[in-house]
Amino acid sequence: MYTEAGKYHNVRYVIENLQSDKMANCLEEALRDKGIPVQRVTFTNFPKSLPGVDSLHDVFHYNKGLVTPATVAAEPTSAPLPGRRALTVMVGGLLRELTRKKSKS
């Protein structure tokens, strides 16, 4: 990536998965170091993994809402878009739960 940074100049988002490790952080930093103003967003894969994301339909609308510019009218959904602090709390809770389940195994 460092030798061919120019081919990434149109990248707008680095998409991370809530149910995986935080690998996107390094990629986001590398792109920003090259002057590419990317935004890291965290998608979810499963209903009930976040408050208000109760169905697969909500999952799609939640994820779409993270990468849909505000100027584009999005279809309303009951799933609220959380702020950074809410995501941090949710990820911490998920990691704690996964660690607890692994230790019981």
PDB file of N, CA and C in Angstrom:
ATOM      1  N   MET A   1       0.807  -1.191   0.000  1.00  0.00           N
ATOM      2  CA  MET A   1       0.000   0.000   0.000  1.00  0.00           C
ATOM      3  C   MET A   1       0.853   1.258   0.000  1.00  0.00           C
ATOM      4  N   TYR A   2       1.971   1.224   0.724  1.00  0.00           N
ATOM      5  CA  TYR A   2       2.807   2.420   0.803  1.00  0.00           C
ATOM      6  C   TYR A   2       3.449   2.771  -0.531  1.00  0.00           C
ATOM      7  N   THR A   3       3.746   1.774  -1.360  1.00  0.00           N
ATOM      8  CA  THR A   3       4.391   2.071  -2.640  1.00  0.00           C
ATOM      9  C   THR A   3       3.398   2.489  -3.704  1.00  0.00           C
ATOM     10  N   GLU A   4       2.123   2.169  -3.540  1.00  0.00           N
ATOM     11  CA  GLU A   4       1.112   2.500  -4.531  1.00  0.00           C
ATOM     12  C   GLU A   4      -0.058   3.260  -3.910  1.00  0.00           C
ATOM     13  N   ALA A   5       0.220   4.208  -3.051  1.00  0.00           N
ATOM     14  CA  ALA A   5      -0.833   4.931  -2.328  1.00  0.00           C
ATOM     15  C   ALA A   5      -1.777   5.668  -3.272  1.00  0.00           C
ATOM     16  N   GLY A   6      -1.301   6.070  -4.439  1.00  0.00           N
ATOM     17  CA  GLY A   6      -2.136   6.811  -5.379  1.00  0.00           C
ATOM     18  C   GLY A   6      -3.366   6.056  -5.825  1.00  0.00           C
ATOM     19  N   LYS A   7      -3.288   4.747  -5.888  1.00  0.00           N
ATOM     20  CA  LYS A   7      -4.453   3.991  -6.346  1.00  0.00           C
ATOM     21  C   LYS A   7      -5.561   3.940  -5.295  1.00  0.00           C
ATOM     22  N   TYR A   8      -5.295   4.410  -4.094  1.00  0.00           N
ATOM     23  CA  TYR A   8      -6.293   4.432  -3.024  1.00  0.00           C
ATOM     24  C   TYR A   8      -6.898   5.822  -2.817  1.00  0.00           C
ATOM     25  N   HIS A   9      -6.595   6.778  -3.700  1.00  0.00           N
ATOM     26  CA  HIS A   9      -7.032   8.159  -3.478  1.00  0.00           C
ATOM     27  C   HIS A   9      -8.545   8.340  -3.455  1.00  0.00           C
ATOM     28  N   ASN A  10      -9.314   7.427  -4.043  1.00  0.00           N
ATOM     29  CA  ASN A  10     -10.779   7.539  -4.033  1.00  0.00           C
ATOM     30  C   ASN A  10     -11.440   6.769  -2.892  1.00  0.00           C
ATOM     31  N   VAL A  11     -10.660   6.152  -2.040  1.00  0.00           N
ATOM     32  CA  VAL A  11     -11.223   5.390  -0.922  1.00  0.00           C
ATOM     33  C   VAL A  11     -11.851   6.365   0.069  1.00  0.00           C
ATOM     34  N   ARG A  12     -13.094   6.097   0.445  1.00  0.00           N
ATOM     35  CA  ARG A  12     -13.793   6.975   1.396  1.00  0.00           C
ATOM     36  C   ARG A  12     -13.947   6.338   2.766  1.00  0.00           C
ATOM     37  N   TYR A  13     -14.085   5.006   2.792  1.00  0.00           N
ATOM     38  CA  TYR A  13     -14.342   4.317   4.050  1.00  0.00           C
ATOM     39  C   TYR A  13     -13.434   3.103   4.211  1.00  0.00           C
ATOM     40  N   VAL A  14     -13.049   2.850   5.444  1.00  0.00           N
ATOM     41  CA  VAL A  14     -12.430   1.591   5.826  1.00  0.00           C
ATOM     42  C   VAL A  14     -13.480   0.927   6.706  1.00  0.00           C
ATOM     43  N   ILE A  15     -13.983  -0.212   6.240  1.00  0.00           N
ATOM     44  CA  ILE A  15     -15.094  -0.863   6.932  1.00  0.00           C
ATOM     45  C   ILE A  15     -14.580  -1.981   7.820  1.00  0.00           C
ATOM     46  N   GLU A  16     -14.943  -1.874   9.077  1.00  0.00           N
ATOM     47  CA  GLU A  16     -14.561  -2.850  10.085  1.00  0.00           C
ATOM     48  C   GLU A  16     -15.805  -3.639  10.473  1.00  0.00           C
ATOM     49  N   ASN A  17     -15.601  -4.825  10.990  1.00  0.00           N
ATOM     50  CA  ASN A  17     -16.708  -5.670  11.404  1.00  0.00           C
ATOM     51  C   ASN A  17     -16.762  -5.706  12.922  1.00  0.00           C
ATOM     52  N   LEU A  18     -17.923  -5.419  13.481  1.00  0.00           N
ATOM     53  CA  LEU A  18     -18.104  -5.418  14.934  1.00  0.00           C
ATOM     54  C   LEU A  18     -17.729  -6.763  15.536  1.00  0.00           C
ATOM     55  N   GLN A  19     -17.962  -7.852  14.805  1.00  0.00           N
ATOM     56  CA  GLN A  19     -17.729  -9.181  15.327  1.00  0.00           C
ATOM     57  C   GLN A  19     -16.308  -9.704  15.034  1.00  0.00           C
ATOM     58  N   SER A  20     -15.390  -8.834  14.682  1.00  0.00           N
ATOM     59  CA  SER A  20     -14.015  -9.262  14.415  1.00  0.00           C
ATOM     60  C   SER A  20     -13.027  -8.356  15.134  1.00  0.00           C
ATOM     61  N   ASP A  21     -11.756  -8.683  15.002  1.00  0.00           N
ATOM     62  CA  ASP A  21     -10.708  -7.870  15.618  1.00  0.00           C
ATOM     63  C   ASP A  21     -10.633  -6.505  14.944  1.00  0.00           C
ATOM     64  N   LYS A  22      -9.951  -5.583  15.590  1.00  0.00           N
ATOM     65  CA  LYS A  22      -9.833  -4.211  15.084  1.00  0.00           C
ATOM     66  C   LYS A  22      -8.652  -4.082  14.129  1.00  0.00           C
ATOM     67  N   MET A  23      -8.734  -4.743  12.992  1.00  0.00           N
ATOM     68  CA  MET A  23      -7.659  -4.676  12.008  1.00  0.00           C
ATOM     69  C   MET A  23      -7.722  -3.408  11.168  1.00  0.00           C
ATOM     70  N   ALA A  24      -8.897  -2.825  11.050  1.00  0.00           N
ATOM     71  CA  ALA A  24      -9.076  -1.659  10.186  1.00  0.00           C
ATOM     72  C   ALA A  24      -8.353  -0.433  10.705  1.00  0.00           C
ATOM     73  N   ASN A  25      -8.061  -0.375  11.990  1.00  0.00           N
ATOM     74  CA  ASN A  25      -7.404   0.781  12.577  1.00  0.00           C
ATOM     75  C   ASN A  25      -6.060   1.058  11.896  1.00  0.00           C
ATOM     76  N   CYS A  26      -5.269   0.025  11.682  1.00  0.00           N
ATOM     77  CA  CYS A  26      -3.957   0.188  11.041  1.00  0.00           C
ATOM     78  C   CYS A  26      -4.106   0.672   9.602  1.00  0.00           C
ATOM     79  N   LEU A  27      -5.071   0.129   8.890  1.00  0.00           N
ATOM     80  CA  LEU A  27      -5.291   0.536   7.509  1.00  0.00           C
ATOM     81  C   LEU A  27      -5.736   1.987   7.440  1.00  0.00           C
ATOM     82  N   GLU A  28      -6.632   2.370   8.339  1.00  0.00           N
ATOM     83  CA  GLU A  28      -7.084   3.766   8.384  1.00  0.00           C
ATOM     84  C   GLU A  28      -5.900   4.702   8.625  1.00  0.00           C
ATOM     85  N   GLU A  29      -5.062   4.372   9.592  1.00  0.00           N
ATOM     86  CA  GLU A  29      -3.910   5.213   9.904  1.00  0.00           C
ATOM     87  C   GLU A  29      -2.943   5.303   8.729  1.00  0.00           C
ATOM     88  N   ALA A  30      -2.698   4.179   8.059  1.00  0.00           N
ATOM     89  CA  ALA A  30      -1.783   4.179   6.913  1.00  0.00           C
ATOM     90  C   ALA A  30      -2.315   5.060   5.787  1.00  0.00           C
ATOM     91  N   LEU A  31      -3.607   4.977   5.508  1.00  0.00           N
ATOM     92  CA  LEU A  31      -4.187   5.806   4.449  1.00  0.00           C
ATOM     93  C   LEU A  31      -4.156   7.284   4.830  1.00  0.00           C
ATOM     94  N   ARG A  32      -4.461   7.590   6.077  1.00  0.00           N
ATOM     95  CA  ARG A  32      -4.423   8.984   6.519  1.00  0.00           C
ATOM     96  C   ARG A  32      -2.993   9.540   6.466  1.00  0.00           C
ATOM     97  N   ASP A  33      -2.016   8.695   6.798  1.00  0.00           N
ATOM     98  CA  ASP A  33      -0.613   9.120   6.707  1.00  0.00           C
ATOM     99  C   ASP A  33      -0.242   9.513   5.287  1.00  0.00           C
ATOM    100  N   LYS A  34      -0.918   8.916   4.313  1.00  0.00           N
ATOM    101  CA  LYS A  34      -0.663   9.229   2.903  1.00  0.00           C
ATOM    102  C   LYS A  34      -1.561  10.357   2.396  1.00  0.00           C
ATOM    103  N   GLY A  35      -2.289  10.999   3.307  1.00  0.00           N
ATOM    104  CA  GLY A  35      -3.114  12.145   2.924  1.00  0.00           C
ATOM    105  C   GLY A  35      -4.479  11.770   2.383  1.00  0.00           C
ATOM    106  N   ILE A  36      -4.918  10.539   2.590  1.00  0.00           N
ATOM    107  CA  ILE A  36      -6.224  10.095   2.106  1.00  0.00           C
ATOM    108  C   ILE A  36      -7.205  10.185   3.283  1.00  0.00           C
ATOM    109  N   PRO A  37      -8.189  11.074   3.201  1.00  0.00           N
ATOM    110  CA  PRO A  37      -9.079  11.328   4.343  1.00  0.00           C
ATOM    111  C   PRO A  37     -10.187  10.280   4.497  1.00  0.00           C
ATOM    112  N   VAL A  38      -9.810   9.064   4.845  1.00  0.00           N
ATOM    113  CA  VAL A  38     -10.791   7.990   4.999  1.00  0.00           C
ATOM    114  C   VAL A  38     -11.491   8.089   6.344  1.00  0.00           C
ATOM    115  N   GLN A  39     -12.642   7.451   6.418  1.00  0.00           N
ATOM    116  CA  GLN A  39     -13.395   7.361   7.663  1.00  0.00           C
ATOM    117  C   GLN A  39     -13.565   5.879   7.966  1.00  0.00           C
ATOM    118  N   ARG A  40     -13.246   5.473   9.182  1.00  0.00           N
ATOM    119  CA  ARG A  40     -13.432   4.080   9.586  1.00  0.00           C
ATOM    120  C   ARG A  40     -14.838   3.935  10.159  1.00  0.00           C
ATOM    121  N   VAL A  41     -15.567   2.936   9.653  1.00  0.00           N
ATOM    122  CA  VAL A  41     -16.906   2.640  10.149  1.00  0.00           C
ATOM    123  C   VAL A  41     -16.960   1.176  10.565  1.00  0.00           C
ATOM    124  N   THR A  42     -17.854   0.867  11.478  1.00  0.00           N
ATOM    125  CA  THR A  42     -17.964  -0.495  11.988  1.00  0.00           C
ATOM    126  C   THR A  42     -19.335  -1.059  11.658  1.00  0.00           C
ATOM    127  N   PHE A  43     -19.356  -2.035  10.756  1.00  0.00           N
ATOM    128  CA  PHE A  43     -20.585  -2.737  10.397  1.00  0.00           C
ATOM    129  C   PHE A  43     -20.862  -3.839  11.410  1.00  0.00           C
ATOM    130  N   THR A  44     -22.097  -4.256  11.477  1.00  0.00           N
ATOM    131  CA  THR A  44     -22.471  -5.428  12.252  1.00  0.00           C
ATOM    132  C   THR A  44     -23.073  -6.455  11.297  1.00  0.00           C
ATOM    133  N   ASN A  45     -23.023  -7.718  11.686  1.00  0.00           N
ATOM    134  CA  ASN A  45     -23.564  -8.788  10.851  1.00  0.00           C
ATOM    135  C   ASN A  45     -24.852  -9.385  11.390  1.00  0.00           C
ATOM    136  N   PHE A  46     -25.144  -9.145  12.663  1.00  0.00           N
ATOM    137  CA  PHE A  46     -26.210  -9.891  13.296  1.00  0.00           C
ATOM    138  C   PHE A  46     -27.279  -9.004  13.929  1.00  0.00           C
ATOM    139  N   PRO A  47     -28.551  -9.395  13.749  1.00  0.00           N
ATOM    140  CA  PRO A  47     -29.611  -8.712  14.482  1.00  0.00           C
ATOM    141  C   PRO A  47     -29.384  -8.878  15.985  1.00  0.00           C
ATOM    142  N   LYS A  48     -29.834  -7.902  16.732  1.00  0.00           N
ATOM    143  CA  LYS A  48     -29.741  -7.873  18.196  1.00  0.00           C
ATOM    144  C   LYS A  48     -28.308  -7.681  18.705  1.00  0.00           C
ATOM    145  N   SER A  49     -27.362  -7.407  17.808  1.00  0.00           N
ATOM    146  CA  SER A  49     -25.984  -7.152  18.241  1.00  0.00           C
ATOM    147  C   SER A  49     -25.809  -5.712  18.719  1.00  0.00           C
ATOM    148  N   LEU A  50     -26.753  -4.846  18.383  1.00  0.00           N
ATOM    149  CA  LEU A  50     -26.750  -3.447  18.801  1.00  0.00           C
ATOM    150  C   LEU A  50     -28.171  -3.055  19.189  1.00  0.00           C
ATOM    151  N   PRO A  51     -28.320  -2.130  20.091  1.00  0.00           N
ATOM    152  CA  PRO A  51     -29.670  -1.673  20.447  1.00  0.00           C
ATOM    153  C   PRO A  51     -30.395  -1.106  19.226  1.00  0.00           C
ATOM    154  N   GLY A  52     -31.621  -1.547  19.018  1.00  0.00           N
ATOM    155  CA  GLY A  52     -32.425  -1.053  17.904  1.00  0.00           C
ATOM    156  C   GLY A  52     -32.204  -1.790  16.599  1.00  0.00           C
ATOM    157  N   VAL A  53     -31.241  -2.676  16.546  1.00  0.00           N
ATOM    158  CA  VAL A  53     -30.979  -3.478  15.348  1.00  0.00           C
ATOM    159  C   VAL A  53     -31.566  -4.859  15.632  1.00  0.00           C
ATOM    160  N   ASP A  54     -32.877  -4.984  15.364  1.00  0.00           N
ATOM    161  CA  ASP A  54     -33.612  -6.169  15.799  1.00  0.00           C
ATOM    162  C   ASP A  54     -33.834  -7.217  14.713  1.00  0.00           C
ATOM    163  N   SER A  55     -33.630  -6.858  13.463  1.00  0.00           N
ATOM    164  CA  SER A  55     -33.882  -7.794  12.363  1.00  0.00           C
ATOM    165  C   SER A  55     -32.764  -7.668  11.331  1.00  0.00           C
ATOM    166  N   LEU A  56     -32.734  -8.608  10.404  1.00  0.00           N
ATOM    167  CA  LEU A  56     -31.743  -8.525   9.338  1.00  0.00           C
ATOM    168  C   LEU A  56     -31.961  -7.265   8.508  1.00  0.00           C
ATOM    169  N   HIS A  57     -33.206  -6.894   8.329  1.00  0.00           N
ATOM    170  CA  HIS A  57     -33.539  -5.646   7.630  1.00  0.00           C
ATOM    171  C   HIS A  57     -32.897  -4.448   8.345  1.00  0.00           C
ATOM    172  N   ASP A  58     -32.982  -4.428   9.676  1.00  0.00           N
ATOM    173  CA  ASP A  58     -32.358  -3.353  10.452  1.00  0.00           C
ATOM    174  C   ASP A  58     -30.841  -3.369  10.301  1.00  0.00           C
ATOM    175  N   VAL A  59     -30.234  -4.564  10.231  1.00  0.00           N
ATOM    176  CA  VAL A  59     -28.785  -4.680  10.048  1.00  0.00           C
ATOM    177  C   VAL A  59     -28.372  -3.990   8.755  1.00  0.00           C
ATOM    178  N   PHE A  60     -29.085  -4.295   7.672  1.00  0.00           N
ATOM    179  CA  PHE A  60     -28.753  -3.685   6.378  1.00  0.00           C
ATOM    180  C   PHE A  60     -28.919  -2.170   6.418  1.00  0.00           C
ATOM    181  N   HIS A  61     -29.987  -1.698   7.013  1.00  0.00           N
ATOM    182  CA  HIS A  61     -30.217  -0.255   7.080  1.00  0.00           C
ATOM    183  C   HIS A  61     -29.217   0.435   8.004  1.00  0.00           C
ATOM    184  N   TYR A  62     -28.864  -0.219   9.088  1.00  0.00           N
ATOM    185  CA  TYR A  62     -27.855   0.339  10.002  1.00  0.00           C
ATOM    186  C   TYR A  62     -26.520   0.492   9.260  1.00  0.00           C
ATOM    187  N   ASN A  63     -26.070  -0.584   8.619  1.00  0.00           N
ATOM    188  CA  ASN A  63     -24.789  -0.550   7.907  1.00  0.00           C
ATOM    189  C   ASN A  63     -24.822   0.466   6.764  1.00  0.00           C
ATOM    190  N   LYS A  64     -25.908   0.482   6.017  1.00  0.00           N
ATOM    191  CA  LYS A  64     -26.040   1.442   4.915  1.00  0.00           C
ATOM    192  C   LYS A  64     -25.991   2.880   5.433  1.00  0.00           C
ATOM    193  N   GLY A  65     -26.627   3.106   6.572  1.00  0.00           N
ATOM    194  CA  GLY A  65     -26.650   4.442   7.144  1.00  0.00           C
ATOM    195  C   GLY A  65     -25.272   4.955   7.522  1.00  0.00           C
ATOM    196  N   LEU A  66     -24.356   4.032   7.834  1.00  0.00           N
ATOM    197  CA  LEU A  66     -23.001   4.444   8.195  1.00  0.00           C
ATOM    198  C   LEU A  66     -22.210   4.973   7.012  1.00  0.00           C
ATOM    199  N   VAL A  67     -22.559   4.530   5.803  1.00  0.00           N
ATOM    200  CA  VAL A  67     -21.791   4.931   4.618  1.00  0.00           C
ATOM    201  C   VAL A  67     -22.627   5.712   3.608  1.00  0.00           C
ATOM    202  N   THR A  68     -23.824   6.121   3.997  1.00  0.00           N
ATOM    203  CA  THR A  68     -24.670   6.917   3.110  1.00  0.00           C
ATOM    204  C   THR A  68     -24.489   8.382   3.469  1.00  0.00           C
ATOM    205  N   PRO A  69     -24.034   9.196   2.512  1.00  0.00           N
ATOM    206  CA  PRO A  69     -23.873  10.624   2.801  1.00  0.00           C
ATOM    207  C   PRO A  69     -25.190  11.235   3.273  1.00  0.00           C
ATOM    208  N   ALA A  70     -25.099  12.199   4.137  1.00  0.00           N
ATOM    209  CA  ALA A  70     -26.289  12.843   4.719  1.00  0.00           C
ATOM    210  C   ALA A  70     -27.155  13.498   3.654  1.00  0.00           C
ATOM    211  N   THR A  71     -26.584  13.841   2.515  1.00  0.00           N
ATOM    212  CA  THR A  71     -27.357  14.502   1.466  1.00  0.00           C
ATOM    213  C   THR A  71     -28.235  13.517   0.707  1.00  0.00           C
ATOM    214  N   VAL A  72     -27.992  12.216   0.874  1.00  0.00           N
ATOM    215  CA  VAL A  72     -28.816  11.207   0.218  1.00  0.00           C
ATOM    216  C   VAL A  72     -29.920  10.807   1.182  1.00  0.00           C
ATOM    217  N   ALA A  73     -31.150  10.883   0.732  1.00  0.00           N
ATOM    218  CA  ALA A  73     -32.278  10.519   1.598  1.00  0.00           C
ATOM    219  C   ALA A  73     -32.287   9.010   1.783  1.00  0.00           C
ATOM    220  N   ALA A  74     -32.134   8.568   3.018  1.00  0.00           N
ATOM    221  CA  ALA A  74     -32.146   7.142   3.314  1.00  0.00           C
ATOM    222  C   ALA A  74     -33.525   6.736   3.801  1.00  0.00           C
ATOM    223  N   GLU A  75     -33.882   5.486   3.535  1.00  0.00           N
ATOM    224  CA  GLU A  75     -35.158   4.950   4.025  1.00  0.00           C
ATOM    225  C   GLU A  75     -35.105   4.907   5.545  1.00  0.00           C
ATOM    226  N   PRO A  76     -36.141   5.367   6.217  1.00  0.00           N
ATOM    227  CA  PRO A  76     -36.117   5.380   7.683  1.00  0.00           C
ATOM    228  C   PRO A  76     -36.024   3.961   8.256  1.00  0.00           C
ATOM    229  N   THR A  77     -35.353   3.848   9.378  1.00  0.00           N
ATOM    230  CA  THR A  77     -35.244   2.580  10.090  1.00  0.00           C
ATOM    231  C   THR A  77     -35.374   2.846  11.577  1.00  0.00           C
ATOM    232  N   SER A  78     -35.768   1.821  12.306  1.00  0.00           N
ATOM    233  CA  SER A  78     -35.885   1.984  13.751  1.00  0.00           C
ATOM    234  C   SER A  78     -34.525   1.892  14.429  1.00  0.00           C
ATOM    235  N   ALA A  79     -33.507   1.494  13.685  1.00  0.00           N
ATOM    236  CA  ALA A  79     -32.173   1.329  14.253  1.00  0.00           C
ATOM    237  C   ALA A  79     -31.463   2.672  14.317  1.00  0.00           C
ATOM    238  N   PRO A  80     -31.192   3.176  15.515  1.00  0.00           N
ATOM    239  CA  PRO A  80     -30.483   4.446  15.635  1.00  0.00           C
ATOM    240  C   PRO A  80     -29.006   4.273  15.320  1.00  0.00           C
ATOM    241  N   LEU A  81     -28.383   5.293  14.815  1.00  0.00           N
ATOM    242  CA  LEU A  81     -26.943   5.252  14.576  1.00  0.00           C
ATOM    243  C   LEU A  81     -26.237   5.686  15.850  1.00  0.00           C
ATOM    244  N   PRO A  82     -25.421   4.811  16.427  1.00  0.00           N
ATOM    245  CA  PRO A  82     -24.772   5.156  17.691  1.00  0.00           C
ATOM    246  C   PRO A  82     -23.588   6.087  17.475  1.00  0.00           C
ATOM    247  N   GLY A  83     -23.267   6.819  18.531  1.00  0.00           N
ATOM    248  CA  GLY A  83     -22.076   7.648  18.504  1.00  0.00           C
ATOM    249  C   GLY A  83     -20.851   6.821  18.846  1.00  0.00           C
ATOM    250  N   ARG A  84     -19.676   7.435  18.792  1.00  0.00           N
ATOM    251  CA  ARG A  84     -18.425   6.732  19.099  1.00  0.00           C
ATOM    252  C   ARG A  84     -18.430   6.105  20.492  1.00  0.00           C
ATOM    253  N   ARG A  85     -18.896   6.858  21.464  1.00  0.00           N
ATOM    254  CA  ARG A  85     -18.884   6.349  22.831  1.00  0.00           C
ATOM    255  C   ARG A  85     -19.773   5.115  22.965  1.00  0.00           C
ATOM    256  N   ALA A  86     -20.944   5.145  22.335  1.00  0.00           N
ATOM    257  CA  ALA A  86     -21.846   3.994  22.399  1.00  0.00           C
ATOM    258  C   ALA A  86     -21.214   2.780  21.736  1.00  0.00           C
ATOM    259  N   LEU A  87     -20.543   2.982  20.606  1.00  0.00           N
ATOM    260  CA  LEU A  87     -19.863   1.861  19.944  1.00  0.00           C
ATOM    261  C   LEU A  87     -18.758   1.301  20.815  1.00  0.00           C
ATOM    262  N   THR A  88     -18.010   2.157  21.477  1.00  0.00           N
ATOM    263  CA  THR A  88     -16.936   1.699  22.351  1.00  0.00           C
ATOM    264  C   THR A  88     -17.488   0.841  23.478  1.00  0.00           C
ATOM    265  N   VAL A  89     -18.577   1.286  24.077  1.00  0.00           N
ATOM    266  CA  VAL A  89     -19.207   0.533  25.159  1.00  0.00           C
ATOM    267  C   VAL A  89     -19.720  -0.809  24.647  1.00  0.00           C
ATOM    268  N   MET A  90     -20.350  -0.805  23.470  1.00  0.00           N
ATOM    269  CA  MET A  90     -20.895  -2.041  22.918  1.00  0.00           C
ATOM    270  C   MET A  90     -19.788  -3.026  22.559  1.00  0.00           C
ATOM    271  N   VAL A  91     -18.721  -2.548  21.941  1.00  0.00           N
ATOM    272  CA  VAL A  91     -17.606  -3.420  21.582  1.00  0.00           C
ATOM    273  C   VAL A  91     -16.971  -3.982  22.847  1.00  0.00           C
ATOM    274  N   GLY A  92     -16.799  -3.154  23.875  1.00  0.00           N
ATOM    275  CA  GLY A  92     -16.237  -3.632  25.134  1.00  0.00           C
ATOM    276  C   GLY A  92     -17.099  -4.719  25.751  1.00  0.00           C
ATOM    277  N   GLY A  93     -18.406  -4.539  25.730  1.00  0.00           N
ATOM    278  CA  GLY A  93     -19.322  -5.546  26.263  1.00  0.00           C
ATOM    279  C   GLY A  93     -19.270  -6.834  25.469  1.00  0.00           C
ATOM    280  N   LEU A  94     -19.187  -6.716  24.151  1.00  0.00           N
ATOM    281  CA  LEU A  94     -19.096  -7.896  23.295  1.00  0.00           C
ATOM    282  C   LEU A  94     -17.805  -8.662  23.567  1.00  0.00           C
ATOM    283  N   LEU A  95     -16.701  -7.932  23.671  1.00  0.00           N
ATOM    284  CA  LEU A  95     -15.421  -8.591  23.945  1.00  0.00           C
ATOM    285  C   LEU A  95     -15.436  -9.274  25.303  1.00  0.00           C
ATOM    286  N   ARG A  96     -16.010  -8.625  26.298  1.00  0.00           N
ATOM    287  CA  ARG A  96     -16.108  -9.227  27.630  1.00  0.00           C
ATOM    288  C   ARG A  96     -16.930 -10.510  27.569  1.00  0.00           C
ATOM    289  N   GLU A  97     -18.031 -10.480  26.837  1.00  0.00           N
ATOM    290  CA  GLU A  97     -18.896 -11.653  26.715  1.00  0.00           C
ATOM    291  C   GLU A  97     -18.173 -12.784  25.984  1.00  0.00           C
ATOM    292  N   LEU A  98     -17.460 -12.466  24.918  1.00  0.00           N
ATOM    293  CA  LEU A  98     -16.720 -13.493  24.178  1.00  0.00           C
ATOM    294  C   LEU A  98     -15.621 -14.104  25.037  1.00  0.00           C
ATOM    295  N   THR A  99     -14.932 -13.271  25.809  1.00  0.00           N
ATOM    296  CA  THR A  99     -13.881 -13.762  26.696  1.00  0.00           C
ATOM    297  C   THR A  99     -14.473 -14.677  27.757  1.00  0.00           C
ATOM    298  N   ARG A 100     -15.604 -14.303  28.297  1.00  0.00           N
ATOM    299  CA  ARG A 100     -16.272 -15.108  29.311  1.00  0.00           C
ATOM    300  C   ARG A 100     -16.697 -16.460  28.753  1.00  0.00           C
ATOM    301  N   LYS A 101     -17.236 -16.473  27.535  1.00  0.00           N
ATOM    302  CA  LYS A 101     -17.672 -17.721  26.907  1.00  0.00           C
ATOM    303  C   LYS A 101     -16.486 -18.633  26.617  1.00  0.00           C
ATOM    304  N   LYS A 102     -15.345 -18.053  26.184  1.00  0.00           N
ATOM    305  CA  LYS A 102     -14.146 -18.854  25.912  1.00  0.00           C
ATOM    306  C   LYS A 102     -13.592 -19.471  27.187  1.00  0.00           C
ATOM    307  N   SER A 103     -13.643 -18.731  28.285  1.00  0.00           N
ATOM    308  CA  SER A 103     -13.099 -19.250  29.530  1.00  0.00           C
ATOM    309  C   SER A 103     -13.967 -20.375  30.099  1.00  0.00           C
ATOM    310  N   LYS A 104     -15.246 -20.415  29.768  1.00  0.00           N
ATOM    311  CA  LYS A 104     -16.126 -21.493  30.209  1.00  0.00           C
ATOM    312  C   LYS A 104     -15.921 -22.752  29.395  1.00  0.00           C
ATOM    313  N   SER A 105     -15.366 -22.612  28.174  1.00  0.00           N
ATOM    314  CA  SER A 105     -15.160 -23.769  27.285  1.00  0.00           C
ATOM    315  C   SER A 105     -14.038 -24.642  27.739  1.00  0.00           C
TER     316      SER A 105
END
